[in-house]
Amino acid sequence: MATNINLATPENETKKILSGKTSLILSLLLLFLAIGIYAGVSFLSSRYLSQNSQVESQINAEKAKISGPEYAEITDFQERLDLIDKILGDQVYFENYIKNLSKYVLPETRLTLFGWKGSVNEITLSGITANFDALSKELILLKNSPLIQSIEFKSASESSGNEGQSGIKFELTASAKKDALNNK
């Protein structure tokens, strides 16, 4: 048979017994504590319910706006903005294109004609170079340009001195890259 020995408290110490008055006070304190907890929980739940109803009314008001005429106006305005953005994206910026294209024209080349057909993105160039070597360099430079998609060489002939412009007269047509035209 096993016996339990309590080594924490001496055996000669007697346990305190609660009297009726102390038990009554202790039970009343526990009752008031339970009532206080219940009152706090019910107060917080009523406050939460009032806030919840306010939030739900705001949500319903926003849903009504979404399905109402204001929503139609907002979507119409957004569609117009998207259309304007698309139109601006499709604009051709000739000034910047010509500035960028001028980087690919050699100093020995004098352009006499610069034409543009916007419907087919076609550039017509005519000019005079000092010799065939300069003309071939110009053609290679234009062909390797990131602004031009393809080049169609039309003609080249020797030019007699008109107003000091002697050399090789040439004419070509180049197809411009669409994305190069749209860059601002």
Protein backbone atom coordinates (compact mmCIF):
# COMPACT_ATOMS: atom_id res chain seq x y z
CA MET A 1 0.00 0.00 0.00
CA ALA A 2 1.33 3.42 -0.95
CA THR A 3 0.97 6.43 1.24
CA ASN A 4 1.30 10.00 0.19
CA ILE A 5 3.49 12.15 2.31
CA ASN A 6 3.20 15.90 2.02
CA LEU A 7 6.61 17.38 2.70
CA ALA A 8 5.65 20.95 1.78
CA THR A 9 3.52 21.67 4.85
CA PRO A 10 4.11 20.57 8.37
CA GLU A 11 1.64 18.08 9.83
CA ASN A 12 0.89 20.08 12.90
CA GLU A 13 -0.51 23.04 10.90
CA THR A 14 -4.27 23.06 10.68
CA LYS A 15 -6.16 24.05 7.57
CA LYS A 16 -8.27 27.19 7.60
CA ILE A 17 -11.91 26.52 7.21
CA LEU A 18 -14.04 29.18 5.55
CA SER A 19 -16.83 30.44 7.69
CA GLY A 20 -20.32 31.08 6.33
CA LYS A 21 -19.79 34.83 6.14
CA THR A 22 -16.55 34.56 4.12
CA SER A 23 -18.09 32.01 1.76
CA LEU A 24 -21.04 34.33 1.22
CA ILE A 25 -18.77 37.31 0.47
CA LEU A 26 -16.60 35.21 -1.84
CA SER A 27 -19.63 33.86 -3.72
CA LEU A 28 -21.07 37.39 -4.03
CA LEU A 29 -17.77 38.66 -5.43
CA LEU A 30 -17.75 35.84 -7.98
CA LEU A 31 -21.39 36.61 -8.86
CA PHE A 32 -20.62 40.34 -9.36
CA LEU A 33 -17.60 39.40 -11.45
CA ALA A 34 -19.74 37.17 -13.66
CA ILE A 35 -22.41 39.89 -13.97
CA GLY A 36 -19.71 42.47 -14.85
CA ILE A 37 -18.24 40.21 -17.52
CA TYR A 38 -21.72 39.58 -18.96
CA ALA A 39 -22.51 43.32 -18.96
CA GLY A 40 -19.18 44.12 -20.69
CA VAL A 41 -19.72 41.48 -23.34
CA SER A 42 -23.31 42.59 -24.01
CA PHE A 43 -22.21 46.28 -24.20
CA LEU A 44 -19.41 45.48 -26.65
CA SER A 45 -21.69 43.28 -28.78
CA SER A 46 -24.34 46.02 -29.02
CA ARG A 47 -21.65 48.53 -29.98
CA TYR A 48 -20.28 46.12 -32.59
CA LEU A 49 -23.76 45.54 -34.01
CA SER A 50 -24.36 49.30 -34.39
CA GLN A 51 -21.01 49.75 -36.17
CA ASN A 52 -21.74 46.70 -38.31
CA SER A 53 -25.10 48.14 -39.38
CA GLN A 54 -23.43 51.47 -40.29
CA VAL A 55 -20.82 49.68 -42.40
CA GLU A 56 -23.49 47.60 -44.12
CA SER A 57 -25.48 50.75 -44.93
CA GLN A 58 -22.34 52.33 -46.45
CA ILE A 59 -21.73 49.18 -48.50
CA ASN A 60 -25.31 49.23 -49.77
CA ALA A 61 -24.98 52.93 -50.68
CA GLU A 62 -21.79 52.20 -52.66
CA LYS A 63 -23.48 49.27 -54.41
CA ALA A 64 -26.33 51.58 -55.37
CA LYS A 65 -23.81 54.05 -56.80
CA ILE A 66 -22.15 51.29 -58.81
CA SER A 67 -25.39 50.28 -60.45
CA GLY A 68 -26.68 53.85 -60.85
CA PRO A 69 -26.06 56.62 -63.38
CA GLU A 70 -22.84 57.73 -61.65
CA TYR A 71 -21.23 54.41 -62.51
CA ALA A 72 -22.27 54.79 -66.15
CA GLU A 73 -20.71 58.27 -66.23
CA ILE A 74 -17.49 57.00 -64.66
CA THR A 75 -17.16 54.09 -67.10
CA ASP A 76 -17.92 56.39 -70.04
CA PHE A 77 -15.26 58.83 -68.84
CA GLN A 78 -12.74 56.00 -68.41
CA GLU A 79 -13.48 54.70 -71.92
CA ARG A 80 -12.90 58.20 -73.30
CA LEU A 81 -9.58 58.45 -71.45
CA ASP A 82 -8.53 55.06 -72.85
CA LEU A 83 -9.49 56.20 -76.36
CA ILE A 84 -7.50 59.44 -75.99
CA ASP A 85 -4.52 57.44 -74.72
CA LYS A 86 -4.76 55.13 -77.73
CA ILE A 87 -5.00 58.09 -80.13
CA LEU A 88 -1.94 59.70 -78.53
CA GLY A 89 -0.10 56.40 -78.74
CA ASP A 90 -0.81 56.20 -82.48
CA GLN A 91 0.35 59.76 -83.19
CA VAL A 92 3.33 60.20 -85.44
CA TYR A 93 6.00 62.47 -84.05
CA PHE A 94 7.81 63.71 -87.17
CA GLU A 95 10.07 66.21 -85.43
CA ASN A 96 11.72 63.62 -83.23
CA TYR A 97 11.80 61.11 -86.07
CA ILE A 98 13.60 63.57 -88.35
CA LYS A 99 16.04 64.48 -85.57
CA ASN A 100 16.78 60.81 -85.01
CA LEU A 101 17.02 60.11 -88.75
CA SER A 102 19.47 62.98 -89.22
CA LYS A 103 21.96 60.98 -87.14
CA TYR A 104 22.04 58.44 -89.99
CA VAL A 105 22.75 60.92 -92.79
CA LEU A 106 26.46 61.32 -93.54
CA PRO A 107 27.99 64.81 -93.82
CA GLU A 108 28.99 64.03 -97.44
CA THR A 109 25.31 63.50 -98.30
CA ARG A 110 23.17 66.50 -99.18
CA LEU A 111 19.46 65.72 -99.25
CA THR A 112 17.47 67.46 -101.96
CA LEU A 113 14.09 65.85 -101.24
CA PHE A 114 12.54 64.43 -98.11
CA GLY A 115 9.01 63.14 -98.70
CA TRP A 116 6.57 61.26 -96.54
CA LYS A 117 3.52 59.13 -97.34
CA GLY A 118 1.79 58.72 -94.00
CA SER A 119 -0.72 56.09 -95.08
CA VAL A 120 2.01 53.54 -95.85
CA ASN A 121 4.80 54.89 -93.59
CA GLU A 122 7.02 55.47 -96.60
CA ILE A 123 9.88 57.97 -96.77
CA THR A 124 11.23 59.20 -100.10
CA LEU A 125 14.80 60.50 -100.06
CA SER A 126 16.73 62.13 -102.89
CA GLY A 127 20.16 63.62 -102.59
CA ILE A 128 23.67 64.05 -103.86
CA THR A 129 26.82 62.39 -102.54
CA ALA A 130 30.43 63.05 -103.45
CA ASN A 131 31.05 59.58 -104.93
CA PHE A 132 29.75 56.01 -105.07
CA ASP A 133 31.74 55.10 -101.96
CA ALA A 134 29.88 57.73 -99.90
CA LEU A 135 26.58 56.56 -101.45
CA SER A 136 27.23 52.95 -100.44
CA LYS A 137 28.15 54.04 -96.89
CA GLU A 138 24.92 56.05 -96.71
CA LEU A 139 22.84 53.10 -97.91
CA ILE A 140 24.45 50.75 -95.38
CA LEU A 141 23.96 53.29 -92.60
CA LEU A 142 20.28 53.78 -93.45
CA LYS A 143 19.74 50.02 -93.82
CA ASN A 144 21.18 49.39 -90.34
CA SER A 145 19.18 52.22 -88.78
CA PRO A 146 16.68 51.12 -86.10
CA LEU A 147 14.22 53.66 -87.53
CA ILE A 148 13.94 52.09 -90.98
CA GLN A 149 12.43 48.71 -91.74
CA SER A 150 13.47 48.32 -95.39
CA ILE A 151 15.05 50.33 -98.21
CA GLU A 152 14.20 50.28 -101.92
CA PHE A 153 16.98 51.86 -103.96
CA LYS A 154 15.51 53.52 -107.08
CA SER A 155 18.33 55.16 -109.03
CA ALA A 156 21.83 56.61 -108.99
CA SER A 157 23.43 58.74 -111.69
CA GLU A 158 26.29 61.14 -112.10
CA SER A 159 25.25 64.73 -111.79
CA SER A 160 26.80 67.57 -113.69
CA GLY A 161 27.56 70.63 -111.60
CA ASN A 162 24.30 72.45 -110.91
CA GLU A 163 25.13 75.37 -108.65
CA GLY A 164 28.20 73.63 -107.29
CA GLN A 165 26.44 70.33 -106.58
CA SER A 166 28.36 67.79 -108.59
CA GLY A 167 28.56 64.15 -107.60
CA ILE A 168 26.28 61.14 -107.55
CA LYS A 169 22.57 61.85 -107.57
CA PHE A 170 20.43 59.15 -105.90
CA GLU A 171 16.83 58.39 -105.05
CA LEU A 172 15.48 55.81 -102.61
CA THR A 173 12.34 54.86 -100.75
CA ALA A 174 12.43 53.59 -97.17
CA SER A 175 9.72 52.00 -95.04
CA ALA A 176 9.68 53.44 -91.54
CA LYS A 177 9.15 51.25 -88.50
CA LYS A 178 5.83 52.08 -86.86
CA ASP A 179 7.17 51.96 -83.30
CA ALA A 180 9.97 54.39 -84.24
CA LEU A 181 7.39 56.93 -85.40
CA ASN A 182 5.39 56.76 -82.19
CA ASN A 183 8.28 57.52 -79.83
CA LYS A 184 8.10 60.98 -78.35
